[in-house]
Every structure is written in C-alpha cells, then in structure tokens.
Amino acid sequence: MEYEFQRFSLPRTVSRSAVRRLLTDHAEYGGWELARLRLYPDGTRKVELRRRIIRVRPTLQLDVRPRV
C-alpha cells in the first residue's frame, strides 16, 4: 500500500478542541487518518496525517485507429 502524507505543526496557542475539530474535518472530508501526533514540552504539536493512494488502472482498451 502506498500512502500520501501531510505534516504540519500547531502552536501551543491552539486549544485541544480546535485541534480535534481540525483533525476531524481532515478525516471526514479529506479522507485523512492520523498517523502520528507528538506533543512537545513547550506545548507545540507536530501532526502527521496519511491517506491511501488508490491507483486506477484502465480496464477497457479502445482501438482508436481509423477504419479504412
């Protein structure tokens, strides 16, 4: 499986409820899941989200040569 990652940090001034709302929106509307959240002693949070990359392969081969 291949994943796409999104990483960002949040300052200590962002409340827990705001972080929860942000992560919920990313999960619900963007298809992201929480891979890692680190809380540092100074209060900053480093967030790592991931979502699965779905590769689509063509299932129908069309012959586009002109008829003669």
N, C-alpha and C. Protein backbone atom coordinates (compact mmCIF):
# COMPACT_ATOMS: atom_id res chain seq x y z
N MET A 1 0.83 -1.18 0.00
CA MET A 1 0.00 0.00 0.00
C MET A 1 0.87 1.24 0.00
N GLU A 2 0.45 2.21 -0.76
CA GLU A 2 1.16 3.49 -0.78
C GLU A 2 0.31 4.53 -0.06
N TYR A 3 1.00 5.41 0.65
CA TYR A 3 0.32 6.46 1.38
C TYR A 3 0.85 7.82 0.96
N GLU A 4 -0.02 8.80 1.05
CA GLU A 4 0.34 10.20 0.87
C GLU A 4 0.35 10.80 2.27
N PHE A 5 1.35 11.60 2.58
CA PHE A 5 1.47 12.16 3.92
C PHE A 5 1.33 13.68 3.90
N GLN A 6 0.79 14.20 4.98
CA GLN A 6 0.69 15.64 5.19
C GLN A 6 1.18 15.91 6.60
N ARG A 7 2.17 16.78 6.72
CA ARG A 7 2.74 17.09 8.03
C ARG A 7 2.61 18.59 8.30
N PHE A 8 2.26 18.92 9.52
CA PHE A 8 2.20 20.32 9.92
C PHE A 8 2.34 20.41 11.43
N SER A 9 2.65 21.60 11.89
CA SER A 9 2.78 21.81 13.34
C SER A 9 1.77 22.86 13.77
N LEU A 10 1.35 22.74 15.00
CA LEU A 10 0.37 23.66 15.57
C LEU A 10 0.99 24.32 16.80
N PRO A 11 0.84 25.63 16.93
CA PRO A 11 1.42 26.32 18.08
C PRO A 11 0.66 25.98 19.36
N ARG A 12 1.26 26.30 20.47
CA ARG A 12 0.65 25.99 21.77
C ARG A 12 -0.61 26.79 22.04
N THR A 13 -0.82 27.86 21.29
CA THR A 13 -2.00 28.71 21.49
C THR A 13 -3.28 28.09 20.95
N VAL A 14 -3.17 27.04 20.15
CA VAL A 14 -4.36 26.37 19.60
C VAL A 14 -4.91 25.42 20.66
N SER A 15 -6.19 25.54 20.96
CA SER A 15 -6.79 24.73 22.02
C SER A 15 -6.99 23.28 21.56
N ARG A 16 -7.19 22.40 22.53
CA ARG A 16 -7.41 20.98 22.22
C ARG A 16 -8.67 20.79 21.40
N SER A 17 -9.71 21.55 21.71
CA SER A 17 -10.96 21.40 20.96
C SER A 17 -10.78 21.86 19.51
N ALA A 18 -9.98 22.90 19.29
CA ALA A 18 -9.72 23.37 17.93
C ALA A 18 -8.91 22.34 17.14
N VAL A 19 -7.95 21.72 17.81
CA VAL A 19 -7.15 20.67 17.16
C VAL A 19 -8.04 19.48 16.82
N ARG A 20 -8.89 19.09 17.74
CA ARG A 20 -9.81 17.97 17.49
C ARG A 20 -10.73 18.27 16.31
N ARG A 21 -11.25 19.49 16.25
CA ARG A 21 -12.13 19.89 15.15
C ARG A 21 -11.39 19.88 13.82
N LEU A 22 -10.15 20.37 13.81
CA LEU A 22 -9.33 20.39 12.60
C LEU A 22 -9.05 18.97 12.10
N LEU A 23 -8.66 18.08 13.01
CA LEU A 23 -8.35 16.71 12.62
C LEU A 23 -9.61 15.96 12.18
N THR A 24 -10.73 16.22 12.82
CA THR A 24 -11.99 15.60 12.42
C THR A 24 -12.39 16.03 11.02
N ASP A 25 -12.24 17.31 10.72
CA ASP A 25 -12.57 17.81 9.37
C ASP A 25 -11.67 17.18 8.31
N HIS A 26 -10.39 17.08 8.60
CA HIS A 26 -9.47 16.45 7.65
C HIS A 26 -9.85 14.98 7.41
N ALA A 27 -10.23 14.30 8.47
CA ALA A 27 -10.59 12.88 8.34
C ALA A 27 -11.91 12.71 7.60
N GLU A 28 -12.88 13.54 7.94
CA GLU A 28 -14.22 13.37 7.38
C GLU A 28 -14.31 13.81 5.93
N TYR A 29 -13.70 14.93 5.59
CA TYR A 29 -13.87 15.49 4.26
C TYR A 29 -12.69 15.22 3.33
N GLY A 30 -11.53 14.92 3.87
CA GLY A 30 -10.37 14.71 3.03
C GLY A 30 -9.90 13.27 2.96
N GLY A 31 -10.47 12.41 3.80
CA GLY A 31 -10.07 11.01 3.80
C GLY A 31 -8.75 10.76 4.50
N TRP A 32 -8.30 11.67 5.35
CA TRP A 32 -7.03 11.52 6.06
C TRP A 32 -7.24 10.75 7.35
N GLU A 33 -6.20 10.07 7.79
CA GLU A 33 -6.21 9.43 9.10
C GLU A 33 -4.96 9.88 9.85
N LEU A 34 -5.07 9.88 11.16
CA LEU A 34 -3.97 10.33 12.00
C LEU A 34 -2.90 9.25 12.07
N ALA A 35 -1.71 9.57 11.59
CA ALA A 35 -0.59 8.63 11.65
C ALA A 35 0.23 8.86 12.92
N ARG A 36 0.43 10.12 13.28
CA ARG A 36 1.24 10.44 14.47
C ARG A 36 0.90 11.85 14.95
N LEU A 37 0.83 11.99 16.25
CA LEU A 37 0.69 13.31 16.87
C LEU A 37 1.68 13.36 18.02
N ARG A 38 2.56 14.33 17.98
CA ARG A 38 3.56 14.47 19.05
C ARG A 38 3.32 15.78 19.77
N LEU A 39 3.26 15.72 21.08
CA LEU A 39 3.10 16.90 21.92
C LEU A 39 4.43 17.15 22.60
N TYR A 40 4.99 18.32 22.37
CA TYR A 40 6.31 18.65 22.90
C TYR A 40 6.18 19.41 24.22
N PRO A 41 7.24 19.43 25.03
CA PRO A 41 7.19 20.10 26.34
C PRO A 41 6.83 21.58 26.26
N ASP A 42 7.16 22.24 25.15
CA ASP A 42 6.82 23.66 25.03
C ASP A 42 5.37 23.87 24.60
N GLY A 43 4.62 22.78 24.37
CA GLY A 43 3.20 22.88 24.04
C GLY A 43 2.87 22.78 22.56
N THR A 44 3.86 22.79 21.70
CA THR A 44 3.58 22.67 20.27
C THR A 44 3.24 21.22 19.93
N ARG A 45 2.46 21.07 18.88
CA ARG A 45 2.06 19.74 18.41
C ARG A 45 2.55 19.55 16.98
N LYS A 46 3.14 18.41 16.71
CA LYS A 46 3.51 18.03 15.34
C LYS A 46 2.55 16.93 14.92
N VAL A 47 1.86 17.18 13.81
CA VAL A 47 0.82 16.27 13.35
C VAL A 47 1.26 15.65 12.03
N GLU A 48 1.03 14.36 11.89
CA GLU A 48 1.30 13.66 10.64
C GLU A 48 0.03 12.90 10.25
N LEU A 49 -0.54 13.27 9.12
CA LEU A 49 -1.73 12.61 8.60
C LEU A 49 -1.34 11.78 7.39
N ARG A 50 -2.11 10.75 7.12
CA ARG A 50 -1.85 9.95 5.93
C ARG A 50 -3.17 9.53 5.31
N ARG A 51 -3.12 9.27 3.99
CA ARG A 51 -4.25 8.66 3.31
C ARG A 51 -3.72 7.77 2.21
N ARG A 52 -4.47 6.73 1.94
CA ARG A 52 -4.04 5.73 0.98
C ARG A 52 -4.18 6.26 -0.44
N ILE A 53 -3.17 5.98 -1.25
CA ILE A 53 -3.20 6.34 -2.67
C ILE A 53 -3.80 5.15 -3.41
N ILE A 54 -4.87 5.41 -4.12
CA ILE A 54 -5.53 4.35 -4.88
C ILE A 54 -5.17 4.52 -6.34
N ARG A 55 -4.45 3.56 -6.86
CA ARG A 55 -4.06 3.58 -8.27
C ARG A 55 -5.17 2.96 -9.10
N VAL A 56 -5.59 3.68 -10.13
CA VAL A 56 -6.64 3.19 -11.01
C VAL A 56 -6.01 2.77 -12.32
N ARG A 57 -6.29 1.54 -12.71
CA ARG A 57 -5.78 1.02 -13.98
C ARG A 57 -6.92 0.93 -14.97
N PRO A 58 -6.65 1.25 -16.22
CA PRO A 58 -7.72 1.14 -17.21
C PRO A 58 -8.12 -0.32 -17.41
N THR A 59 -9.42 -0.54 -17.51
CA THR A 59 -9.91 -1.90 -17.68
C THR A 59 -10.40 -2.17 -19.09
N LEU A 60 -10.52 -1.13 -19.89
CA LEU A 60 -11.03 -1.27 -21.24
C LEU A 60 -10.03 -0.65 -22.21
N GLN A 61 -9.55 -1.43 -23.14
CA GLN A 61 -8.63 -0.92 -24.15
C GLN A 61 -9.42 -0.61 -25.42
N LEU A 62 -9.43 0.63 -25.82
CA LEU A 62 -10.14 1.03 -27.03
C LEU A 62 -9.19 1.11 -28.20
N ASP A 63 -9.62 0.63 -29.33
CA ASP A 63 -8.83 0.71 -30.55
C ASP A 63 -9.26 1.99 -31.27
N VAL A 64 -8.38 2.96 -31.34
CA VAL A 64 -8.74 4.27 -31.90
C VAL A 64 -8.20 4.47 -33.32
N ARG A 65 -7.78 3.38 -33.98
CA ARG A 65 -7.30 3.51 -35.35
C ARG A 65 -8.49 3.75 -36.28
N PRO A 66 -8.33 4.62 -37.26
CA PRO A 66 -9.44 4.88 -38.20
C PRO A 66 -9.68 3.67 -39.10
N ARG A 67 -10.93 3.48 -39.43
CA ARG A 67 -11.30 2.39 -40.33
C ARG A 67 -11.01 2.78 -41.77
N VAL A 68 -10.54 1.85 -42.55
CA VAL A 68 -10.22 2.12 -43.96
C VAL A 68 -11.15 1.36 -44.86
